[in-house]
C-alpha cells in the first residue's frame, strides 16, 4: 500500500469503500 496517496485519491477510495459498505 502506498502511504503517499494523494488527498484526491484518498477521497476516491472512500467513495469506493462506501459502495461496498466498508465506511471507515
PDB file of N, CA and C in Angstrom:
ATOM      1  N   UNK A   1       0.851  -1.204   0.000  1.00  0.00           N
ATOM      2  CA  UNK A   1       0.000   0.000   0.000  1.00  0.00           C
ATOM      3  C   UNK A   1       0.876   1.239   0.000  1.00  0.00           C
ATOM      4  N   UNK A   2       0.608   2.148  -0.907  1.00  0.00           N
ATOM      5  CA  UNK A   2       1.387   3.380  -0.994  1.00  0.00           C
ATOM      6  C   UNK A   2       0.846   4.389   0.007  1.00  0.00           C
ATOM      7  N   UNK A   3       1.612   4.663   1.049  1.00  0.00           N
ATOM      8  CA  UNK A   3       1.151   5.573   2.103  1.00  0.00           C
ATOM      9  C   UNK A   3       1.226   7.020   1.640  1.00  0.00           C
ATOM     10  N   UNK A   4       1.855   7.242   0.484  1.00  0.00           N
ATOM     11  CA  UNK A   4       1.990   8.607  -0.029  1.00  0.00           C
ATOM     12  C   UNK A   4       0.835   8.947  -0.966  1.00  0.00           C
ATOM     13  N   UNK A   5      -0.316   8.366  -0.679  1.00  0.00           N
ATOM     14  CA  UNK A   5      -1.501   8.582  -1.506  1.00  0.00           C
ATOM     15  C   UNK A   5      -1.942  10.040  -1.443  1.00  0.00           C
ATOM     16  N   UNK A   6      -2.419  10.557  -2.541  1.00  0.00           N
ATOM     17  CA  UNK A   6      -2.850  11.952  -2.582  1.00  0.00           C
ATOM     18  C   UNK A   6      -4.236  12.102  -1.978  1.00  0.00           C
ATOM     19  N   UNK A   7      -4.584  13.308  -1.581  1.00  0.00           N
ATOM     20  CA  UNK A   7      -5.884  13.562  -0.961  1.00  0.00           C
ATOM     21  C   UNK A   7      -7.023  13.174  -1.887  1.00  0.00           C
ATOM     22  N   UNK A   8      -6.893  13.510  -3.172  1.00  0.00           N
ATOM     23  CA  UNK A   8      -7.946  13.208  -4.139  1.00  0.00           C
ATOM     24  C   UNK A   8      -8.152  11.704  -4.248  1.00  0.00           C
ATOM     25  N   UNK A   9      -7.046  10.963  -4.303  1.00  0.00           N
ATOM     26  CA  UNK A   9      -7.145   9.504  -4.399  1.00  0.00           C
ATOM     27  C   UNK A   9      -7.767   8.933  -3.134  1.00  0.00           C
ATOM     28  N   UNK A  10      -7.422   9.521  -1.988  1.00  0.00           N
ATOM     29  CA  UNK A  10      -7.964   9.042  -0.716  1.00  0.00           C
ATOM     30  C   UNK A  10      -9.479   9.195  -0.716  1.00  0.00           C
ATOM     31  N   UNK A  11      -9.954  10.356  -1.164  1.00  0.00           N
ATOM     32  CA  UNK A  11     -11.396  10.596  -1.188  1.00  0.00           C
ATOM     33  C   UNK A  11     -12.070   9.620  -2.145  1.00  0.00           C
ATOM     34  N   UNK A  12     -11.408   9.340  -3.254  1.00  0.00           N
ATOM     35  CA  UNK A  12     -11.982   8.423  -4.243  1.00  0.00           C
ATOM     36  C   UNK A  12     -12.079   7.020  -3.661  1.00  0.00           C
ATOM     37  N   UNK A  13     -11.054   6.630  -2.915  1.00  0.00           N
ATOM     38  CA  UNK A  13     -11.072   5.304  -2.291  1.00  0.00           C
ATOM     39  C   UNK A  13     -12.201   5.215  -1.276  1.00  0.00           C
ATOM     40  N   UNK A  14     -12.458   6.316  -0.576  1.00  0.00           N
ATOM     41  CA  UNK A  14     -13.531   6.337   0.418  1.00  0.00           C
ATOM     42  C   UNK A  14     -14.868   6.109  -0.278  1.00  0.00           C
ATOM     43  N   UNK A  15     -15.064   6.762  -1.414  1.00  0.00           N
ATOM     44  CA  UNK A  15     -16.315   6.597  -2.156  1.00  0.00           C
ATOM     45  C   UNK A  15     -16.476   5.153  -2.600  1.00  0.00           C
ATOM     46  N   UNK A  16     -15.392   4.546  -3.051  1.00  0.00           N
ATOM     47  CA  UNK A  16     -15.437   3.147  -3.498  1.00  0.00           C
ATOM     48  C   UNK A  16     -15.757   2.247  -2.314  1.00  0.00           C
ATOM     49  N   UNK A  17     -15.140   2.552  -1.171  1.00  0.00           N
ATOM     50  CA  UNK A  17     -15.364   1.750   0.030  1.00  0.00           C
ATOM     51  C   UNK A  17     -16.826   1.832   0.450  1.00  0.00           C
ATOM     52  N   UNK A  18     -17.420   3.019   0.320  1.00  0.00           N
ATOM     53  CA  UNK A  18     -18.825   3.192   0.708  1.00  0.00           C
ATOM     54  C   UNK A  18     -19.715   2.279  -0.122  1.00  0.00           C
ATOM     55  N   UNK A  19     -19.373   2.104  -1.390  1.00  0.00           N
ATOM     56  CA  UNK A  19     -20.173   1.251  -2.271  1.00  0.00           C
ATOM     57  C   UNK A  19     -20.200  -0.178  -1.759  1.00  0.00           C
ATOM     58  N   UNK A  20     -19.124  -0.572  -1.067  1.00  0.00           N
ATOM     59  CA  UNK A  20     -19.048  -1.935  -0.545  1.00  0.00           C
ATOM     60  C   UNK A  20     -19.450  -1.974   0.924  1.00  0.00           C
ATOM     61  N   UNK A  21     -19.957  -0.837   1.447  1.00  0.00           N
ATOM     62  CA  UNK A  21     -20.391  -0.795   2.839  1.00  0.00           C
ATOM     63  C   UNK A  21     -19.228  -0.897   3.799  1.00  0.00           C
ATOM     64  N   UNK A  22     -18.054  -0.418   3.370  1.00  0.00           N
ATOM     65  CA  UNK A  22     -16.872  -0.511   4.219  1.00  0.00           C
ATOM     66  C   UNK A  22     -16.424   0.881   4.662  1.00  0.00           C
ATOM     67  N   UNK A  23     -17.348   1.658   5.179  1.00  0.00           N
ATOM     68  CA  UNK A  23     -17.025   3.016   5.601  1.00  0.00           C
ATOM     69  C   UNK A  23     -16.086   2.990   6.796  1.00  0.00           C
ATOM     70  N   UNK A  24     -15.148   3.914   6.827  1.00  0.00           N
ATOM     71  CA  UNK A  24     -14.179   3.945   7.913  1.00  0.00           C
ATOM     72  C   UNK A  24     -14.572   4.930   8.957  1.00  0.00           C
TER      73      UNK A  24
END
